[in-house]
Amino acid sequence: MKKILLFTVLFGVQSVFSQVTMEKNRLVKDGQTYKMSQYNDVFKNPEAATLFKKARTNATVGQIFAYTGGFAIGFGIIPALSGKKQEVRNGIVYENQPSKGWTVVGIGAGLVGIGIPFAIAANKNAEKAMALENGEATAFQPYFKLETAGNGLALSYNF
């Protein structure tokens, strides 16, 4: 019994030890952490490296949209919520129109909304790359789906 338990523990540790994982914003392989830019050192499979490069590109584009949208929301919310209708600067009276502030907030929310699909795609590609590198099965997996179609039900074969 002890030998079986020891074999199981050693086999389990060995299979987990050489896996590529992500912790926060770092890649971990063999107990060593790598920056995201060092993905070529981590991924030996060229397909996995290509997928992870695509994930990094999607993440960068998504972050650009999200940060720009967040700035626009923050910049537009101040005049939108301020109660002042007129402001005097250097002896000149300026009219403050809160509707312009809400327009900027809306544009910012739209930019954040554009960034979300890029972030989702980045996560999916990174997970696929790690699964490919770790040797997990990413084979063809067709499935049946029961759907409503027009006047009745339909059975579709998705692949």
C-alpha atoms as a PDB file:
ATOM      1  CA  MET A   1       0.000   0.000   0.000  1.00  0.00           C
ATOM      2  CA  LYS A   2       2.849   2.382   0.852  1.00  0.00           C
ATOM      3  CA  LYS A   3       4.515   1.734  -2.499  1.00  0.00           C
ATOM      4  CA  ILE A   4       1.323   2.492  -4.404  1.00  0.00           C
ATOM      5  CA  LEU A   5       0.788   5.696  -2.450  1.00  0.00           C
ATOM      6  CA  LEU A   6       4.410   6.760  -2.983  1.00  0.00           C
ATOM      7  CA  PHE A   7       4.187   6.022  -6.716  1.00  0.00           C
ATOM      8  CA  THR A   8       0.944   8.007  -7.012  1.00  0.00           C
ATOM      9  CA  VAL A   9       2.393  11.009  -5.190  1.00  0.00           C
ATOM     10  CA  LEU A  10       5.612  10.976  -7.248  1.00  0.00           C
ATOM     11  CA  PHE A  11       3.704  10.618 -10.507  1.00  0.00           C
ATOM     12  CA  GLY A  12       1.337  13.447  -9.543  1.00  0.00           C
ATOM     13  CA  VAL A  13       4.187  15.765  -8.550  1.00  0.00           C
ATOM     14  CA  GLN A  14       6.082  15.016 -11.758  1.00  0.00           C
ATOM     15  CA  SER A  15       3.107  15.768 -13.993  1.00  0.00           C
ATOM     16  CA  VAL A  16       2.348  19.044 -12.195  1.00  0.00           C
ATOM     17  CA  PHE A  17       5.954  20.180 -11.854  1.00  0.00           C
ATOM     18  CA  SER A  18       6.652  20.731 -15.555  1.00  0.00           C
ATOM     19  CA  GLN A  19       3.379  22.465 -16.358  1.00  0.00           C
ATOM     20  CA  VAL A  20       3.177  26.035 -17.624  1.00  0.00           C
ATOM     21  CA  THR A  21       0.770  28.080 -15.525  1.00  0.00           C
ATOM     22  CA  MET A  22      -0.080  31.722 -14.963  1.00  0.00           C
ATOM     23  CA  GLU A  23       0.004  33.396 -11.574  1.00  0.00           C
ATOM     24  CA  LYS A  24      -1.252  36.963 -11.632  1.00  0.00           C
ATOM     25  CA  ASN A  25       0.643  38.481 -14.566  1.00  0.00           C
ATOM     26  CA  ARG A  26       3.542  36.018 -14.727  1.00  0.00           C
ATOM     27  CA  LEU A  27       4.220  32.699 -16.414  1.00  0.00           C
ATOM     28  CA  VAL A  28       5.444  29.883 -14.167  1.00  0.00           C
ATOM     29  CA  LYS A  29       7.352  26.848 -15.454  1.00  0.00           C
ATOM     30  CA  ASP A  30       9.390  24.430 -13.340  1.00  0.00           C
ATOM     31  CA  GLY A  31       8.963  26.677 -10.313  1.00  0.00           C
ATOM     32  CA  GLN A  32      10.576  29.643 -12.056  1.00  0.00           C
ATOM     33  CA  THR A  33       8.612  32.795 -12.883  1.00  0.00           C
ATOM     34  CA  TYR A  34       8.907  34.569 -16.208  1.00  0.00           C
ATOM     35  CA  LYS A  35       7.624  37.906 -17.440  1.00  0.00           C
ATOM     36  CA  MET A  36       5.004  37.865 -20.175  1.00  0.00           C
ATOM     37  CA  SER A  37       7.590  39.209 -22.636  1.00  0.00           C
ATOM     38  CA  GLN A  38       9.768  36.120 -22.026  1.00  0.00           C
ATOM     39  CA  TYR A  39       7.195  33.742 -23.474  1.00  0.00           C
ATOM     40  CA  ASN A  40       9.702  32.427 -26.043  1.00  0.00           C
ATOM     41  CA  ASP A  41      11.785  31.018 -23.171  1.00  0.00           C
ATOM     42  CA  VAL A  42       8.740  29.277 -21.692  1.00  0.00           C
ATOM     43  CA  PHE A  43       6.945  27.874 -24.735  1.00  0.00           C
ATOM     44  CA  LYS A  44       8.935  25.278 -26.671  1.00  0.00           C
ATOM     45  CA  ASN A  45       6.007  24.370 -28.919  1.00  0.00           C
ATOM     46  CA  PRO A  46       5.957  26.857 -31.851  1.00  0.00           C
ATOM     47  CA  GLU A  47       2.146  26.686 -32.124  1.00  0.00           C
ATOM     48  CA  ALA A  48       1.793  27.533 -28.440  1.00  0.00           C
ATOM     49  CA  ALA A  49       4.240  30.428 -28.805  1.00  0.00           C
ATOM     50  CA  THR A  50       2.238  31.782 -31.752  1.00  0.00           C
ATOM     51  CA  LEU A  51      -1.015  31.537 -29.797  1.00  0.00           C
ATOM     52  CA  PHE A  52       0.527  33.275 -26.795  1.00  0.00           C
ATOM     53  CA  LYS A  53       1.907  36.035 -29.030  1.00  0.00           C
ATOM     54  CA  LYS A  54      -1.618  36.545 -30.379  1.00  0.00           C
ATOM     55  CA  ALA A  55      -2.913  36.639 -26.791  1.00  0.00           C
ATOM     56  CA  ARG A  56      -0.386  39.334 -25.880  1.00  0.00           C
ATOM     57  CA  THR A  57      -1.398  41.390 -28.933  1.00  0.00           C
ATOM     58  CA  ASN A  58      -5.086  41.120 -28.042  1.00  0.00           C
ATOM     59  CA  ALA A  59      -4.343  42.050 -24.435  1.00  0.00           C
ATOM     60  CA  THR A  60      -2.391  45.139 -25.507  1.00  0.00           C
ATOM     61  CA  VAL A  61      -5.139  46.346 -27.845  1.00  0.00           C
ATOM     62  CA  GLY A  62      -7.773  45.705 -25.175  1.00  0.00           C
ATOM     63  CA  GLN A  63      -5.771  47.601 -22.557  1.00  0.00           C
ATOM     64  CA  ILE A  64      -5.326  50.586 -24.879  1.00  0.00           C
ATOM     65  CA  PHE A  65      -9.081  50.813 -25.435  1.00  0.00           C
ATOM     66  CA  ALA A  66      -9.852  50.245 -21.750  1.00  0.00           C
ATOM     67  CA  TYR A  67      -7.381  52.845 -20.449  1.00  0.00           C
ATOM     68  CA  THR A  68      -8.468  55.418 -23.031  1.00  0.00           C
ATOM     69  CA  GLY A  69     -12.115  54.779 -22.194  1.00  0.00           C
ATOM     70  CA  GLY A  70     -11.430  54.995 -18.467  1.00  0.00           C
ATOM     71  CA  PHE A  71      -9.673  58.324 -18.933  1.00  0.00           C
ATOM     72  CA  ALA A  72     -12.587  59.643 -21.006  1.00  0.00           C
ATOM     73  CA  ILE A  73     -15.087  58.528 -18.363  1.00  0.00           C
ATOM     74  CA  GLY A  74     -13.093  60.231 -15.620  1.00  0.00           C
ATOM     75  CA  PHE A  75     -12.565  63.363 -17.693  1.00  0.00           C
ATOM     76  CA  GLY A  76     -16.232  63.642 -18.707  1.00  0.00           C
ATOM     77  CA  ILE A  77     -17.852  62.825 -15.375  1.00  0.00           C
ATOM     78  CA  ILE A  78     -16.478  65.961 -13.675  1.00  0.00           C
ATOM     79  CA  PRO A  79     -18.283  68.551 -15.838  1.00  0.00           C
ATOM     80  CA  ALA A  80     -21.307  66.262 -16.134  1.00  0.00           C
ATOM     81  CA  LEU A  81     -21.828  66.136 -12.377  1.00  0.00           C
ATOM     82  CA  SER A  82     -20.722  69.658 -11.473  1.00  0.00           C
ATOM     83  CA  GLY A  83     -23.602  71.988 -10.732  1.00  0.00           C
ATOM     84  CA  LYS A  84     -21.948  75.149 -12.067  1.00  0.00           C
ATOM     85  CA  LYS A  85     -23.583  76.509 -15.172  1.00  0.00           C
ATOM     86  CA  GLN A  86     -21.182  79.428 -15.601  1.00  0.00           C
ATOM     87  CA  GLU A  87     -17.507  79.651 -14.844  1.00  0.00           C
ATOM     88  CA  VAL A  88     -15.336  82.769 -14.839  1.00  0.00           C
ATOM     89  CA  ARG A  89     -11.716  82.347 -15.904  1.00  0.00           C
ATOM     90  CA  ASN A  90      -9.455  85.360 -16.466  1.00  0.00           C
ATOM     91  CA  GLY A  91     -12.444  87.677 -16.602  1.00  0.00           C
ATOM     92  CA  ILE A  92     -14.197  85.665 -19.325  1.00  0.00           C
ATOM     93  CA  VAL A  93     -17.480  83.889 -18.584  1.00  0.00           C
ATOM     94  CA  TYR A  94     -17.671  80.330 -19.911  1.00  0.00           C
ATOM     95  CA  GLU A  95     -20.895  78.354 -20.167  1.00  0.00           C
ATOM     96  CA  ASN A  96     -20.646  74.836 -18.789  1.00  0.00           C
ATOM     97  CA  GLN A  97     -22.934  72.397 -20.562  1.00  0.00           C
ATOM     98  CA  PRO A  98     -23.256  69.132 -18.624  1.00  0.00           C
ATOM     99  CA  SER A  99     -24.584  67.333 -21.711  1.00  0.00           C
ATOM    100  CA  LYS A 100     -21.117  67.568 -23.305  1.00  0.00           C
ATOM    101  CA  GLY A 101     -19.692  65.847 -20.243  1.00  0.00           C
ATOM    102  CA  TRP A 102     -22.176  63.008 -20.583  1.00  0.00           C
ATOM    103  CA  THR A 103     -21.221  62.683 -24.248  1.00  0.00           C
ATOM    104  CA  VAL A 104     -17.586  62.178 -23.260  1.00  0.00           C
ATOM    105  CA  VAL A 105     -18.653  59.650 -20.600  1.00  0.00           C
ATOM    106  CA  GLY A 106     -20.657  57.757 -23.238  1.00  0.00           C
ATOM    107  CA  ILE A 107     -17.716  57.719 -25.636  1.00  0.00           C
ATOM    108  CA  GLY A 108     -15.493  56.435 -22.829  1.00  0.00           C
ATOM    109  CA  ALA A 109     -17.967  53.687 -21.972  1.00  0.00           C
ATOM    110  CA  GLY A 110     -18.038  52.704 -25.641  1.00  0.00           C
ATOM    111  CA  LEU A 111     -14.246  52.486 -25.732  1.00  0.00           C
ATOM    112  CA  VAL A 112     -14.232  50.305 -22.620  1.00  0.00           C
ATOM    113  CA  GLY A 113     -16.906  48.140 -24.267  1.00  0.00           C
ATOM    114  CA  ILE A 114     -14.698  47.752 -27.342  1.00  0.00           C
ATOM    115  CA  GLY A 115     -11.784  46.652 -25.149  1.00  0.00           C
ATOM    116  CA  ILE A 116     -13.718  43.869 -23.394  1.00  0.00           C
ATOM    117  CA  PRO A 117     -13.863  41.421 -26.372  1.00  0.00           C
ATOM    118  CA  PHE A 118     -10.127  41.872 -26.899  1.00  0.00           C
ATOM    119  CA  ALA A 119      -9.483  40.972 -23.247  1.00  0.00           C
ATOM    120  CA  ILE A 120     -11.710  37.892 -23.525  1.00  0.00           C
ATOM    121  CA  ALA A 121      -9.907  36.794 -26.706  1.00  0.00           C
ATOM    122  CA  ALA A 122      -6.547  37.308 -24.990  1.00  0.00           C
ATOM    123  CA  ASN A 123      -7.569  35.037 -22.106  1.00  0.00           C
ATOM    124  CA  LYS A 124      -8.857  32.342 -24.468  1.00  0.00           C
ATOM    125  CA  ASN A 125      -5.689  32.379 -26.576  1.00  0.00           C
ATOM    126  CA  ALA A 126      -3.443  32.284 -23.493  1.00  0.00           C
ATOM    127  CA  GLU A 127      -5.377  29.302 -22.100  1.00  0.00           C
ATOM    128  CA  LYS A 128      -5.150  27.508 -25.464  1.00  0.00           C
ATOM    129  CA  ALA A 129      -1.398  28.162 -25.615  1.00  0.00           C
ATOM    130  CA  MET A 130      -0.850  26.786 -22.113  1.00  0.00           C
ATOM    131  CA  ALA A 131      -3.022  23.741 -22.844  1.00  0.00           C
ATOM    132  CA  LEU A 132      -1.068  23.086 -26.031  1.00  0.00           C
ATOM    133  CA  GLU A 133       2.283  23.458 -24.259  1.00  0.00           C
ATOM    134  CA  ASN A 134       1.211  21.228 -21.368  1.00  0.00           C
ATOM    135  CA  GLY A 135       0.112  18.492 -23.754  1.00  0.00           C
ATOM    136  CA  GLU A 136      -3.574  18.639 -22.926  1.00  0.00           C
ATOM    137  CA  ALA A 137      -5.995  17.381 -25.515  1.00  0.00           C
ATOM    138  CA  THR A 138      -7.206  20.164 -27.784  1.00  0.00           C
ATOM    139  CA  ALA A 139      -8.557  17.786 -30.385  1.00  0.00           C
ATOM    140  CA  PHE A 140     -11.648  17.970 -32.505  1.00  0.00           C
ATOM    141  CA  GLN A 141     -14.682  17.882 -30.190  1.00  0.00           C
ATOM    142  CA  PRO A 142     -17.988  17.868 -32.073  1.00  0.00           C
ATOM    143  CA  TYR A 143     -21.265  18.021 -30.157  1.00  0.00           C
ATOM    144  CA  PHE A 144     -25.021  17.903 -30.697  1.00  0.00           C
ATOM    145  CA  LYS A 145     -27.262  20.785 -29.696  1.00  0.00           C
ATOM    146  CA  LEU A 146     -31.041  20.938 -29.390  1.00  0.00           C
ATOM    147  CA  GLU A 147     -32.340  24.303 -30.654  1.00  0.00           C
ATOM    148  CA  THR A 148     -35.632  25.952 -31.441  1.00  0.00           C
ATOM    149  CA  ALA A 149     -36.018  26.742 -35.101  1.00  0.00           C
ATOM    150  CA  GLY A 150     -39.025  28.524 -36.560  1.00  0.00           C
ATOM    151  CA  ASN A 151     -42.047  26.356 -35.773  1.00  0.00           C
ATOM    152  CA  GLY A 152     -40.304  23.503 -33.979  1.00  0.00           C
ATOM    153  CA  LEU A 153     -37.157  21.967 -32.617  1.00  0.00           C
ATOM    154  CA  ALA A 154     -33.926  21.249 -34.425  1.00  0.00           C
ATOM    155  CA  LEU A 155     -31.021  18.983 -33.630  1.00  0.00           C
ATOM    156  CA  SER A 156     -27.780  20.529 -34.860  1.00  0.00           C
ATOM    157  CA  TYR A 157     -24.343  18.954 -35.115  1.00  0.00           C
ATOM    158  CA  ASN A 158     -21.693  21.519 -34.215  1.00  0.00           C
ATOM    159  CA  PHE A 159     -17.987  21.096 -34.851  1.00  0.00           C
END
